[in-house]
C-alpha atoms as a PDB file:
ATOM      1  CA  MET A   1    -137.053  71.484 -28.550  1.00  0.00           C
ATOM      2  CA  LEU A   2    -134.154  73.438 -30.055  1.00  0.00           C
ATOM      3  CA  ARG A   3    -135.132  76.517 -28.060  1.00  0.00           C
ATOM      4  CA  ALA A   4    -135.182  74.487 -24.831  1.00  0.00           C
ATOM      5  CA  THR A   5    -131.731  73.062 -25.598  1.00  0.00           C
ATOM      6  CA  SER A   6    -130.410  76.549 -26.357  1.00  0.00           C
ATOM      7  CA  SER A   7    -131.823  77.914 -23.088  1.00  0.00           C
ATOM      8  CA  LYS A   8    -130.191  75.112 -21.112  1.00  0.00           C
ATOM      9  CA  HIS A   9    -126.851  75.779 -22.801  1.00  0.00           C
ATOM     10  CA  THR A  10    -127.095  79.517 -22.085  1.00  0.00           C
ATOM     11  CA  PHE A  11    -127.919  78.760 -18.450  1.00  0.00           C
ATOM     12  CA  LEU A  12    -124.907  76.436 -18.247  1.00  0.00           C
ATOM     13  CA  ILE A  13    -122.594  79.078 -19.761  1.00  0.00           C
ATOM     14  CA  PHE A  14    -123.237  81.480 -16.906  1.00  0.00           C
ATOM     15  CA  PHE A  15    -124.086  79.065 -14.096  1.00  0.00           C
ATOM     16  CA  LEU A  16    -120.980  76.866 -14.285  1.00  0.00           C
ATOM     17  CA  PRO A  17    -118.349  79.664 -13.996  1.00  0.00           C
ATOM     18  CA  LEU A  18    -120.331  81.356 -11.193  1.00  0.00           C
ATOM     19  CA  PHE A  19    -120.722  78.045  -9.374  1.00  0.00           C
ATOM     20  CA  LEU A  20    -116.969  77.366  -9.569  1.00  0.00           C
ATOM     21  CA  ILE A  21    -116.141  80.899  -8.420  1.00  0.00           C
ATOM     22  CA  THR A  22    -118.509  80.509  -5.448  1.00  0.00           C
ATOM     23  CA  CYS A  23    -116.887  77.193  -4.495  1.00  0.00           C
ATOM     24  CA  LEU A  24    -113.420  78.758  -4.593  1.00  0.00           C
ATOM     25  CA  VAL A  25    -114.548  81.669  -2.417  1.00  0.00           C
ATOM     26  CA  PHE A  26    -115.969  79.259   0.170  1.00  0.00           C
ATOM     27  CA  LEU A  27    -112.710  77.291   0.039  1.00  0.00           C
ATOM     28  CA  THR A  28    -110.873  80.234   1.586  1.00  0.00           C
ATOM     29  CA  ALA A  29    -113.214  80.044   4.596  1.00  0.00           C
ATOM     30  CA  VAL A  30    -112.156  76.461   5.374  1.00  0.00           C
ATOM     31  CA  ALA A  31    -110.014  76.184   8.499  1.00  0.00           C
ATOM     32  CA  GLY A  32    -107.168  74.429   6.685  1.00  0.00           C
ATOM     33  CA  PHE A  33    -106.755  77.187   4.095  1.00  0.00           C
ATOM     34  CA  ARG A  34    -104.569  79.394   6.302  1.00  0.00           C
ATOM     35  CA  GLU A  35    -102.285  76.469   7.085  1.00  0.00           C
ATOM     36  CA  ASN A  36    -101.590  75.889   3.367  1.00  0.00           C
ATOM     37  CA  ALA A  37    -102.138  79.442   2.128  1.00  0.00           C
ATOM     38  CA  ASP A  38     -98.923  79.549   0.068  1.00  0.00           C
ATOM     39  CA  LEU A  39     -99.811  76.565  -2.111  1.00  0.00           C
ATOM     40  CA  LEU A  40    -103.577  77.085  -2.217  1.00  0.00           C
ATOM     41  CA  SER A  41    -103.209  80.766  -3.160  1.00  0.00           C
ATOM     42  CA  ILE A  42    -101.291  79.748  -6.286  1.00  0.00           C
ATOM     43  CA  GLY A  43    -104.067  77.295  -7.172  1.00  0.00           C
ATOM     44  CA  LEU A  44    -106.799  79.877  -6.557  1.00  0.00           C
ATOM     45  CA  THR A  45    -105.011  82.451  -8.701  1.00  0.00           C
ATOM     46  CA  PHE A  46    -104.623  79.965 -11.551  1.00  0.00           C
ATOM     47  CA  ASP A  47    -108.249  78.805 -11.316  1.00  0.00           C
ATOM     48  CA  LEU A  48    -109.810  82.278 -11.182  1.00  0.00           C
ATOM     49  CA  LEU A  49    -107.582  83.962 -13.754  1.00  0.00           C
ATOM     50  CA  ILE A  50    -106.838  81.162 -16.222  1.00  0.00           C
ATOM     51  CA  LEU A  51    -108.908  78.009 -15.775  1.00  0.00           C
ATOM     52  CA  ILE A  52    -112.398  79.528 -15.330  1.00  0.00           C
ATOM     53  CA  PRO A  53    -111.995  82.072 -18.197  1.00  0.00           C
ATOM     54  CA  PHE A  54    -110.743  79.215 -20.422  1.00  0.00           C
ATOM     55  CA  LEU A  55    -113.736  77.071 -19.432  1.00  0.00           C
ATOM     56  CA  TYR A  56    -116.015  80.033 -20.226  1.00  0.00           C
ATOM     57  CA  PHE A  57    -114.338  80.330 -23.637  1.00  0.00           C
ATOM     58  CA  LEU A  58    -115.006  76.652 -24.380  1.00  0.00           C
ATOM     59  CA  LEU A  59    -118.668  77.142 -23.454  1.00  0.00           C
ATOM     60  CA  ILE A  60    -119.188  80.215 -25.689  1.00  0.00           C
ATOM     61  CA  ARG A  61    -116.928  79.391 -28.656  1.00  0.00           C
ATOM     62  CA  LYS A  62    -119.800  78.019 -30.792  1.00  0.00           C
ATOM     63  CA  THR A  63    -122.347  80.614 -29.687  1.00  0.00           C
ATOM     64  CA  LYS A  64    -123.036  84.219 -30.704  1.00  0.00           C
ATOM     65  CA  ILE A  65    -121.760  85.503 -27.357  1.00  0.00           C
ATOM     66  CA  PRO A  66    -118.773  87.813 -28.097  1.00  0.00           C
ATOM     67  CA  LYS A  67    -115.402  86.239 -27.294  1.00  0.00           C
ATOM     68  CA  THR A  68    -114.300  89.513 -25.736  1.00  0.00           C
ATOM     69  CA  THR A  69    -116.612  88.803 -22.771  1.00  0.00           C
ATOM     70  CA  ILE A  70    -113.761  86.589 -21.528  1.00  0.00           C
ATOM     71  CA  LEU A  71    -111.976  89.775 -20.428  1.00  0.00           C
ATOM     72  CA  PRO A  72    -114.691  90.801 -17.890  1.00  0.00           C
ATOM     73  CA  ILE A  73    -114.575  87.233 -16.509  1.00  0.00           C
ATOM     74  CA  MET A  74    -110.811  87.612 -16.006  1.00  0.00           C
ATOM     75  CA  ILE A  75    -111.243  91.021 -14.369  1.00  0.00           C
ATOM     76  CA  LEU A  76    -113.927  89.591 -12.057  1.00  0.00           C
ATOM     77  CA  GLY A  77    -111.492  86.827 -11.097  1.00  0.00           C
ATOM     78  CA  LEU A  78    -108.803  89.445 -10.478  1.00  0.00           C
ATOM     79  CA  ILE A  79    -111.052  91.430  -8.123  1.00  0.00           C
ATOM     80  CA  ILE A  80    -112.101  88.295  -6.216  1.00  0.00           C
ATOM     81  CA  CYS A  81    -108.462  87.193  -5.865  1.00  0.00           C
ATOM     82  CA  LYS A  82    -107.589  90.588  -4.425  1.00  0.00           C
ATOM     83  CA  PHE A  83    -110.144  90.135  -1.644  1.00  0.00           C
ATOM     84  CA  ILE A  84    -109.840  86.432  -0.775  1.00  0.00           C
ATOM     85  CA  ILE A  85    -106.101  85.790  -1.084  1.00  0.00           C
ATOM     86  CA  PRO A  86    -103.894  87.006   1.802  1.00  0.00           C
ATOM     87  CA  ALA A  87    -101.766  90.032   0.869  1.00  0.00           C
ATOM     88  CA  GLU A  88     -98.522  88.150   1.489  1.00  0.00           C
ATOM     89  CA  ASN A  89     -99.548  85.466  -1.043  1.00  0.00           C
ATOM     90  CA  GLN A  90    -100.463  87.770  -3.948  1.00  0.00           C
ATOM     91  CA  TYR A  91     -97.143  87.532  -5.843  1.00  0.00           C
ATOM     92  CA  PHE A  92     -98.633  85.716  -8.862  1.00  0.00           C
ATOM     93  CA  LEU A  93    -101.699  87.962  -8.739  1.00  0.00           C
ATOM     94  CA  ASP A  94     -99.496  91.066  -8.956  1.00  0.00           C
ATOM     95  CA  LEU A  95     -97.552  89.427 -11.786  1.00  0.00           C
ATOM     96  CA  PHE A  96    -100.798  88.846 -13.692  1.00  0.00           C
ATOM     97  CA  LYS A  97    -101.921  92.457 -13.124  1.00  0.00           C
ATOM     98  CA  THR A  98     -98.596  93.702 -14.486  1.00  0.00           C
ATOM     99  CA  TRP A  99     -98.414  91.476 -17.562  1.00  0.00           C
ATOM    100  CA  GLY A 100    -101.579  89.415 -18.061  1.00  0.00           C
ATOM    101  CA  ILE A 101    -104.209  92.171 -18.232  1.00  0.00           C
ATOM    102  CA  PRO A 102    -102.193  94.434 -20.609  1.00  0.00           C
ATOM    103  CA  VAL A 103    -101.534  91.454 -22.908  1.00  0.00           C
ATOM    104  CA  ALA A 104    -105.260  90.601 -22.889  1.00  0.00           C
ATOM    105  CA  GLU A 105    -106.166  94.233 -23.684  1.00  0.00           C
ATOM    106  CA  VAL A 106    -103.686  94.317 -26.585  1.00  0.00           C
ATOM    107  CA  PHE A 107    -105.147  91.035 -27.853  1.00  0.00           C
ATOM    108  CA  VAL A 108    -108.702  92.453 -27.744  1.00  0.00           C
ATOM    109  CA  LEU A 109    -107.589  95.647 -29.515  1.00  0.00           C
ATOM    110  CA  GLY A 110    -105.786  93.605 -32.169  1.00  0.00           C
ATOM    111  CA  PHE A 111    -108.875  91.429 -32.593  1.00  0.00           C
ATOM    112  CA  VAL A 112    -111.050  94.527 -33.137  1.00  0.00           C
ATOM    113  CA  VAL A 113    -108.595  96.045 -35.639  1.00  0.00           C
ATOM    114  CA  HIS A 114    -108.425  92.730 -37.518  1.00  0.00           C
ATOM    115  CA  LYS A 115    -112.233  92.476 -37.682  1.00  0.00           C
ATOM    116  CA  VAL A 116    -112.589  96.057 -38.925  1.00  0.00           C
ATOM    117  CA  TYR A 117    -109.845  95.502 -41.521  1.00  0.00           C
ATOM    118  CA  LEU A 118    -111.593  92.378 -42.847  1.00  0.00           C
ATOM    119  CA  ALA A 119    -114.950  94.178 -42.974  1.00  0.00           C
ATOM    120  CA  LEU A 120    -113.440  97.114 -44.888  1.00  0.00           C
ATOM    121  CA  LYS A 121    -111.735  94.693 -47.274  1.00  0.00           C
ATOM    122  CA  ILE A 122    -115.078  93.006 -48.026  1.00  0.00           C
ATOM    123  CA  TYR A 123    -116.766  96.383 -48.578  1.00  0.00           C
ATOM    124  CA  ARG A 124    -114.040  97.508 -50.969  1.00  0.00           C
ATOM    125  CA  SER A 125    -114.054  94.215 -52.860  1.00  0.00           C
ATOM    126  CA  ASN A 126    -117.701  94.995 -53.650  1.00  0.00           C
ATOM    127  CA  ASN A 127    -116.603  98.246 -55.328  1.00  0.00           C
ATOM    128  CA  GLN A 128    -117.581 100.379 -52.351  1.00  0.00           C
ATOM    129  CA  GLU A 129    -114.375 102.408 -52.309  1.00  0.00           C
ATOM    130  CA  ASN A 130    -115.828 105.069 -50.038  1.00  0.00           C
ATOM    131  CA  ALA A 131    -117.015 102.553 -47.465  1.00  0.00           C
ATOM    132  CA  ASP A 132    -118.184 104.340 -44.322  1.00  0.00           C
ATOM    133  CA  PHE A 133    -115.651 103.435 -41.632  1.00  0.00           C
ATOM    134  CA  TYR A 134    -118.102 104.293 -38.839  1.00  0.00           C
ATOM    135  CA  ASN A 135    -120.758 101.849 -40.090  1.00  0.00           C
ATOM    136  CA  VAL A 136    -118.142  99.146 -40.674  1.00  0.00           C
ATOM    137  CA  LEU A 137    -116.828  99.720 -37.147  1.00  0.00           C
ATOM    138  CA  LYS A 138    -120.340  99.396 -35.671  1.00  0.00           C
ATOM    139  CA  LYS A 139    -120.979  96.169 -37.546  1.00  0.00           C
ATOM    140  CA  SER A 140    -117.645  94.696 -36.436  1.00  0.00           C
ATOM    141  CA  CYS A 141    -118.048  95.722 -32.790  1.00  0.00           C
ATOM    142  CA  LYS A 142    -121.521  94.154 -32.630  1.00  0.00           C
ATOM    143  CA  GLU A 143    -119.846  90.816 -33.372  1.00  0.00           C
ATOM    144  CA  ILE A 144    -117.127  91.376 -30.774  1.00  0.00           C
ATOM    145  CA  PHE A 145    -118.505  93.217 -27.742  1.00  0.00           C
ATOM    146  CA  PRO A 146    -121.572  92.758 -25.496  1.00  0.00           C
ATOM    147  CA  ALA A 147    -124.484  94.961 -26.618  1.00  0.00           C
ATOM    148  CA  PRO A 148    -124.156  97.605 -23.819  1.00  0.00           C
ATOM    149  CA  LEU A 149    -120.505  98.217 -24.755  1.00  0.00           C
ATOM    150  CA  VAL A 150    -120.914  98.470 -28.540  1.00  0.00           C
ATOM    151  CA  ILE A 151    -121.858 102.166 -28.919  1.00  0.00           C
ATOM    152  CA  PRO A 152    -119.382 103.503 -26.283  1.00  0.00           C
ATOM    153  CA  MET A 153    -116.543 101.462 -27.825  1.00  0.00           C
ATOM    154  CA  VAL A 154    -117.490 102.515 -31.365  1.00  0.00           C
ATOM    155  CA  THR A 155    -117.652 106.187 -30.358  1.00  0.00           C
ATOM    156  CA  GLU A 156    -114.271 106.185 -28.614  1.00  0.00           C
ATOM    157  CA  MET A 157    -112.511 104.358 -31.467  1.00  0.00           C
ATOM    158  CA  ALA A 158    -114.161 106.519 -34.129  1.00  0.00           C
ATOM    159  CA  VAL A 159    -113.111 109.728 -32.351  1.00  0.00           C
ATOM    160  CA  PHE A 160    -109.502 108.537 -32.309  1.00  0.00           C
ATOM    161  CA  TYR A 161    -109.644 107.358 -35.939  1.00  0.00           C
ATOM    162  CA  TYR A 162    -111.186 110.497 -37.424  1.00  0.00           C
ATOM    163  CA  GLY A 163    -109.150 112.804 -35.196  1.00  0.00           C
ATOM    164  CA  PHE A 164    -105.691 111.374 -35.780  1.00  0.00           C
ATOM    165  CA  PHE A 165    -105.642 108.824 -38.618  1.00  0.00           C
ATOM    166  CA  ASN A 166    -108.096 109.660 -41.400  1.00  0.00           C
ATOM    167  CA  TRP A 167    -106.418 112.554 -43.202  1.00  0.00           C
ATOM    168  CA  ARG A 168    -107.164 111.385 -46.729  1.00  0.00           C
ATOM    169  CA  LYS A 169    -109.421 113.737 -48.689  1.00  0.00           C
ATOM    170  CA  ARG A 170    -112.770 112.166 -49.508  1.00  0.00           C
ATOM    171  CA  ASP A 171    -114.075 112.755 -53.034  1.00  0.00           C
ATOM    172  CA  LEU A 172    -117.744 113.688 -53.061  1.00  0.00           C
ATOM    173  CA  LYS A 173    -119.977 111.715 -55.432  1.00  0.00           C
ATOM    174  CA  ASP A 174    -123.009 113.054 -57.274  1.00  0.00           C
ATOM    175  CA  HIS A 175    -125.479 111.603 -54.744  1.00  0.00           C
ATOM    176  CA  GLU A 176    -123.541 112.908 -51.713  1.00  0.00           C
ATOM    177  CA  PHE A 177    -123.792 116.294 -50.004  1.00  0.00           C
ATOM    178  CA  HIS A 178    -121.518 118.238 -47.670  1.00  0.00           C
ATOM    179  CA  TYR A 179    -123.031 120.181 -44.792  1.00  0.00           C
ATOM    180  CA  HIS A 180    -120.013 121.572 -42.933  1.00  0.00           C
ATOM    181  CA  LYS A 181    -118.399 124.083 -45.305  1.00  0.00           C
ATOM    182  CA  GLU A 182    -120.991 126.885 -45.153  1.00  0.00           C
ATOM    183  CA  SER A 183    -122.816 126.121 -41.896  1.00  0.00           C
ATOM    184  CA  GLY A 184    -120.274 127.685 -39.532  1.00  0.00           C
ATOM    185  CA  SER A 185    -120.130 124.492 -37.436  1.00  0.00           C
ATOM    186  CA  ILE A 186    -116.376 124.031 -37.954  1.00  0.00           C
ATOM    187  CA  ALA A 187    -115.675 127.577 -36.750  1.00  0.00           C
ATOM    188  CA  LEU A 188    -118.003 127.105 -33.764  1.00  0.00           C
ATOM    189  CA  PHE A 189    -116.357 123.847 -32.663  1.00  0.00           C
ATOM    190  CA  SER A 190    -112.883 125.333 -33.215  1.00  0.00           C
ATOM    191  CA  ALA A 191    -113.784 128.249 -30.932  1.00  0.00           C
ATOM    192  CA  ILE A 192    -115.068 125.855 -28.250  1.00  0.00           C
ATOM    193  CA  ILE A 193    -111.862 123.781 -28.483  1.00  0.00           C
ATOM    194  CA  PHE A 194    -109.773 126.957 -28.089  1.00  0.00           C
ATOM    195  CA  LEU A 195    -111.804 128.082 -25.046  1.00  0.00           C
ATOM    196  CA  ILE A 196    -111.467 124.662 -23.377  1.00  0.00           C
ATOM    197  CA  LEU A 197    -107.716 124.717 -24.026  1.00  0.00           C
ATOM    198  CA  VAL A 198    -107.312 128.181 -22.471  1.00  0.00           C
ATOM    199  CA  GLU A 199    -109.529 127.256 -19.513  1.00  0.00           C
ATOM    200  CA  THR A 200    -107.603 124.007 -18.961  1.00  0.00           C
ATOM    201  CA  VAL A 201    -104.248 125.827 -18.867  1.00  0.00           C
ATOM    202  CA  VAL A 202    -105.518 128.552 -16.508  1.00  0.00           C
ATOM    203  CA  LEU A 203    -107.222 126.067 -14.158  1.00  0.00           C
ATOM    204  CA  HIS A 204    -104.119 123.876 -14.089  1.00  0.00           C
ATOM    205  CA  ILE A 205    -101.907 126.800 -13.055  1.00  0.00           C
ATOM    206  CA  LEU A 206    -104.334 127.931 -10.333  1.00  0.00           C
ATOM    207  CA  LEU A 207    -105.111 124.469  -8.942  1.00  0.00           C
ATOM    208  CA  ALA A 208    -101.463 123.358  -8.989  1.00  0.00           C
ATOM    209  CA  MET A 209    -100.796 125.944  -6.264  1.00  0.00           C
ATOM    210  CA  TRP A 210    -103.333 124.175  -4.056  1.00  0.00           C
ATOM    211  CA  ASN A 211    -103.509 120.513  -5.114  1.00  0.00           C
ATOM    212  CA  GLU A 212    -101.284 119.103  -7.874  1.00  0.00           C
ATOM    213  CA  THR A 213    -103.230 115.829  -8.110  1.00  0.00           C
ATOM    214  CA  LEU A 214    -106.552 117.598  -8.688  1.00  0.00           C
ATOM    215  CA  ALA A 215    -104.877 119.914 -11.199  1.00  0.00           C
ATOM    216  CA  LEU A 216    -103.531 116.918 -13.109  1.00  0.00           C
ATOM    217  CA  ILE A 217    -106.934 115.165 -13.134  1.00  0.00           C
ATOM    218  CA  LEU A 218    -108.751 118.244 -14.467  1.00  0.00           C
ATOM    219  CA  THR A 219    -106.030 118.788 -17.074  1.00  0.00           C
ATOM    220  CA  VAL A 220    -106.397 115.208 -18.326  1.00  0.00           C
ATOM    221  CA  LEU A 221    -110.197 115.652 -18.491  1.00  0.00           C
ATOM    222  CA  GLY A 222    -109.759 118.905 -20.399  1.00  0.00           C
ATOM    223  CA  LEU A 223    -107.370 117.347 -22.919  1.00  0.00           C
ATOM    224  CA  TYR A 224    -109.727 114.381 -23.306  1.00  0.00           C
ATOM    225  CA  SER A 225    -112.618 116.769 -24.058  1.00  0.00           C
ATOM    226  CA  ILE A 226    -110.478 118.546 -26.652  1.00  0.00           C
ATOM    227  CA  MET A 227    -109.592 115.227 -28.288  1.00  0.00           C
ATOM    228  CA  GLN A 228    -113.283 114.262 -28.391  1.00  0.00           C
ATOM    229  CA  LEU A 229    -114.358 117.557 -29.970  1.00  0.00           C
ATOM    230  CA  PHE A 230    -111.464 117.428 -32.444  1.00  0.00           C
ATOM    231  CA  GLY A 231    -112.520 113.936 -33.566  1.00  0.00           C
ATOM    232  CA  PHE A 232    -116.167 115.019 -33.770  1.00  0.00           C
ATOM    233  CA  THR A 233    -115.240 118.077 -35.850  1.00  0.00           C
ATOM    234  CA  ARG A 234    -113.074 116.187 -38.326  1.00  0.00           C
ATOM    235  CA  SER A 235    -115.747 113.513 -38.813  1.00  0.00           C
ATOM    236  CA  LEU A 236    -118.098 116.125 -40.316  1.00  0.00           C
ATOM    237  CA  SER A 237    -116.226 116.135 -43.625  1.00  0.00           C
ATOM    238  CA  LYS A 238    -115.844 112.338 -43.690  1.00  0.00           C
ATOM    239  CA  ARG A 239    -119.505 111.340 -43.393  1.00  0.00           C
ATOM    240  CA  PRO A 240    -121.613 113.228 -45.961  1.00  0.00           C
ATOM    241  CA  VAL A 241    -125.371 113.092 -46.369  1.00  0.00           C
ATOM    242  CA  TYR A 242    -126.258 110.808 -49.288  1.00  0.00           C
ATOM    243  CA  ILE A 243    -129.125 109.223 -51.247  1.00  0.00           C
ATOM    244  CA  VAL A 244    -128.985 105.512 -52.126  1.00  0.00           C
ATOM    245  CA  ASP A 245    -131.694 102.979 -53.044  1.00  0.00           C
ATOM    246  CA  LYS A 246    -134.614 105.358 -52.470  1.00  0.00           C
ATOM    247  CA  LYS A 247    -133.329 106.155 -48.976  1.00  0.00           C
ATOM    248  CA  LEU A 248    -131.895 109.347 -47.532  1.00  0.00           C
ATOM    249  CA  PHE A 249    -128.962 108.817 -45.157  1.00  0.00           C
ATOM    250  CA  LEU A 250    -128.567 111.832 -42.889  1.00  0.00           C
ATOM    251  CA  ASN A 251    -125.241 111.986 -41.049  1.00  0.00           C
ATOM    252  CA  TYR A 252    -123.795 114.639 -38.789  1.00  0.00           C
ATOM    253  CA  GLY A 253    -120.269 113.326 -38.418  1.00  0.00           C
ATOM    254  CA  ILE A 254    -120.331 110.511 -35.873  1.00  0.00           C
ATOM    255  CA  MET A 255    -122.587 112.545 -33.604  1.00  0.00           C
ATOM    256  CA  LYS A 256    -126.009 112.003 -35.173  1.00  0.00           C
ATOM    257  CA  GLU A 257    -127.526 109.876 -37.914  1.00  0.00           C
ATOM    258  CA  THR A 258    -130.814 108.622 -39.298  1.00  0.00           C
ATOM    259  CA  VAL A 259    -132.167 106.905 -42.408  1.00  0.00           C
ATOM    260  CA  ILE A 260    -135.367 108.136 -44.079  1.00  0.00           C
ATOM    261  CA  ASP A 261    -137.324 106.369 -46.803  1.00  0.00           C
ATOM    262  CA  LEU A 262    -137.839 108.927 -49.581  1.00  0.00           C
ATOM    263  CA  LYS A 263    -141.518 107.937 -49.816  1.00  0.00           C
ATOM    264  CA  ASN A 264    -141.889 109.104 -46.222  1.00  0.00           C
ATOM    265  CA  ILE A 265    -140.886 112.681 -47.104  1.00  0.00           C
ATOM    266  CA  VAL A 266    -143.866 115.001 -47.613  1.00  0.00           C
ATOM    267  CA  THR A 267    -141.981 118.207 -48.401  1.00  0.00           C
ATOM    268  CA  VAL A 268    -138.439 119.541 -48.566  1.00  0.00           C
ATOM    269  CA  GLU A 269    -138.665 123.098 -47.266  1.00  0.00           C
ATOM    270  CA  ILE A 270    -135.750 125.407 -48.070  1.00  0.00           C
ATOM    271  CA  SER A 271    -135.830 127.694 -45.063  1.00  0.00           C
ATOM    272  CA  SER A 272    -133.696 129.097 -42.247  1.00  0.00           C
ATOM    273  CA  ARG A 273    -136.661 130.096 -40.089  1.00  0.00           C
ATOM    274  CA  ASP A 274    -136.454 129.432 -36.362  1.00  0.00           C
ATOM    275  CA  ILE A 275    -137.966 126.148 -35.211  1.00  0.00           C
ATOM    276  CA  GLU A 276    -138.963 124.886 -31.801  1.00  0.00           C
ATOM    277  CA  LEU A 277    -137.258 121.604 -30.925  1.00  0.00           C
ATOM    278  CA  ASP A 278    -140.290 119.891 -29.409  1.00  0.00           C
ATOM    279  CA  SER A 279    -141.217 116.194 -29.163  1.00  0.00           C
ATOM    280  CA  ASP A 280    -141.877 115.918 -32.930  1.00  0.00           C
ATOM    281  CA  THR A 281    -139.011 118.100 -34.138  1.00  0.00           C
ATOM    282  CA  ALA A 282    -135.291 117.324 -34.259  1.00  0.00           C
ATOM    283  CA  LYS A 283    -132.195 119.015 -35.596  1.00  0.00           C
ATOM    284  CA  LEU A 284    -129.244 117.374 -37.308  1.00  0.00           C
ATOM    285  CA  SER A 285    -126.652 119.177 -35.199  1.00  0.00           C
ATOM    286  CA  LEU A 286    -124.819 118.766 -31.898  1.00  0.00           C
ATOM    287  CA  LEU A 287    -125.535 122.182 -30.386  1.00  0.00           C
ATOM    288  CA  GLY A 288    -129.162 122.591 -31.455  1.00  0.00           C
ATOM    289  CA  ASN A 289    -130.182 126.117 -32.422  1.00  0.00           C
ATOM    290  CA  LEU A 290    -126.633 127.410 -31.937  1.00  0.00           C
ATOM    291  CA  GLU A 291    -125.956 125.869 -35.362  1.00  0.00           C
ATOM    292  CA  SER A 292    -127.650 127.064 -38.541  1.00  0.00           C
ATOM    293  CA  HIS A 293    -129.979 125.149 -40.859  1.00  0.00           C
ATOM    294  CA  ASN A 294    -131.329 125.811 -44.354  1.00  0.00           C
ATOM    295  CA  ILE A 295    -133.480 122.702 -44.965  1.00  0.00           C
ATOM    296  CA  ILE A 296    -136.545 121.455 -43.071  1.00  0.00           C
ATOM    297  CA  LEU A 297    -137.878 117.993 -43.920  1.00  0.00           C
ATOM    298  CA  HIS A 298    -141.520 117.173 -43.159  1.00  0.00           C
ATOM    299  CA  LEU A 299    -142.370 113.455 -42.883  1.00  0.00           C
ATOM    300  CA  LYS A 300    -145.530 111.366 -43.005  1.00  0.00           C
ATOM    301  CA  LYS A 301    -144.432 108.916 -40.300  1.00  0.00           C
ATOM    302  CA  GLU A 302    -142.003 109.145 -37.414  1.00  0.00           C
ATOM    303  CA  GLU A 303    -138.333 108.273 -37.878  1.00  0.00           C
ATOM    304  CA  THR A 304    -135.622 107.868 -35.243  1.00  0.00           C
ATOM    305  CA  LEU A 305    -132.531 110.054 -34.873  1.00  0.00           C
ATOM    306  CA  THR A 306    -129.609 108.312 -33.165  1.00  0.00           C
ATOM    307  CA  SER A 307    -127.173 110.530 -31.272  1.00  0.00           C
ATOM    308  CA  LEU A 308    -123.950 110.048 -29.330  1.00  0.00           C
ATOM    309  CA  TYR A 309    -123.711 106.913 -27.189  1.00  0.00           C
ATOM    310  CA  GLY A 310    -126.944 105.507 -28.632  1.00  0.00           C
ATOM    311  CA  LYS A 311    -129.379 108.194 -27.454  1.00  0.00           C
ATOM    312  CA  ARG A 312    -132.548 108.161 -29.614  1.00  0.00           C
ATOM    313  CA  LYS A 313    -135.249 110.693 -30.482  1.00  0.00           C
ATOM    314  CA  ASN A 314    -138.339 110.196 -32.640  1.00  0.00           C
ATOM    315  CA  PHE A 315    -139.276 112.983 -35.041  1.00  0.00           C
ATOM    316  CA  LYS A 316    -141.586 113.943 -37.914  1.00  0.00           C
ATOM    317  CA  ILE A 317    -139.792 117.200 -38.697  1.00  0.00           C
ATOM    318  CA  ILE A 318    -136.021 117.551 -38.940  1.00  0.00           C
ATOM    319  CA  ALA A 319    -133.923 120.642 -39.665  1.00  0.00           C
ATOM    320  CA  LEU A 320    -130.447 120.396 -41.194  1.00  0.00           C
ATOM    321  CA  HIS A 321    -127.878 122.300 -43.196  1.00  0.00           C
ATOM    322  CA  ILE A 322    -126.868 121.278 -46.726  1.00  0.00           C
ATOM    323  CA  ASP A 323    -124.221 123.285 -48.579  1.00  0.00           C
ATOM    324  CA  ASP A 324    -125.848 122.700 -51.992  1.00  0.00           C
ATOM    325  CA  LYS A 325    -129.470 122.938 -50.877  1.00  0.00           C
ATOM    326  CA  LEU A 326    -131.012 123.353 -54.354  1.00  0.00           C
ATOM    327  CA  LYS A 327    -129.348 120.231 -55.756  1.00  0.00           C
ATOM    328  CA  PHE A 328    -130.351 118.353 -52.583  1.00  0.00           C
ATOM    329  CA  LYS A 329    -134.026 119.270 -53.030  1.00  0.00           C
ATOM    330  CA  GLU A 330    -133.934 118.447 -56.752  1.00  0.00           C
ATOM    331  CA  GLN A 331    -132.469 114.985 -56.158  1.00  0.00           C
ATOM    332  CA  ILE A 332    -134.973 114.108 -53.437  1.00  0.00           C
ATOM    333  CA  ASP A 333    -137.903 115.253 -55.584  1.00  0.00           C
ATOM    334  CA  ALA A 334    -136.527 113.314 -58.564  1.00  0.00           C
ATOM    335  CA  HIS A 335    -135.977 110.098 -56.587  1.00  0.00           C
ATOM    336  CA  LYS A 336    -139.425 110.308 -54.979  1.00  0.00           C
ATOM    337  CA  ASN A 337    -141.162 110.226 -58.370  1.00  0.00           C
END
């Protein structure tokens, strides 16, 4: 009975706004619309941009549907207004595009920051001083954004945070392990960033002679790629590998992560031998065999490695680099017994 009621409510949440939008679109096809376009255009703009999103908010406010889904409803209304309202009657629509959408975006950003701040505060009140910002951000965004947007939003915000805000040195605890100091990954990413920077400058100069707009677009894309790689690189030192509660948490910055039950580990092989990255084998790195490894874990059962933007790969063997490999092996063997 409760499930049936819930299904009806969910149907109503999406049906009612769509029904009202459809009615408003058909209203513009009525013969009398053109005769009163000035007045009716104001009403349509208000209904599609304010009234229907507010009605949608009332319908979802006591559900688990993220409140931020109001923004796509507003954007949908904006697009529909652009097509159905005569160009000469789009004054209030243009006003909303100039002020309404930016205000809504700032509100959503503020809402996300507030949620993350509260989550971090709760973590720290439980004596978790080194709370993992990336995990807190994922948890907060799952409560705010629709499921398909969670990982992209988390990735973009984490890149910006680790690249430009988190400069505080993180103290390593006894059960935590660095993997970036001796692996050569930092030097490799730094070289790639330098090459992209040089290529971006050269391409901009050459393309500007032919098409300034295209040169500007490619320059922006190049700078965006540099910002992404810079954030990825800096996250390596902020998210160590660690062992807690009989589980091994393998992180590679914000680029890859997995959790392995220690009972699932058959052997910890200290080795830098070449491995083939087949269907059962994964590597805790971004650039595969271009990056070094000195540990190979062999598992009893498959685990899942999550990469950038939610990409997943199952594995029974995983290669990784640990700066203090002997201590790492000792702790895993000790916790397994």
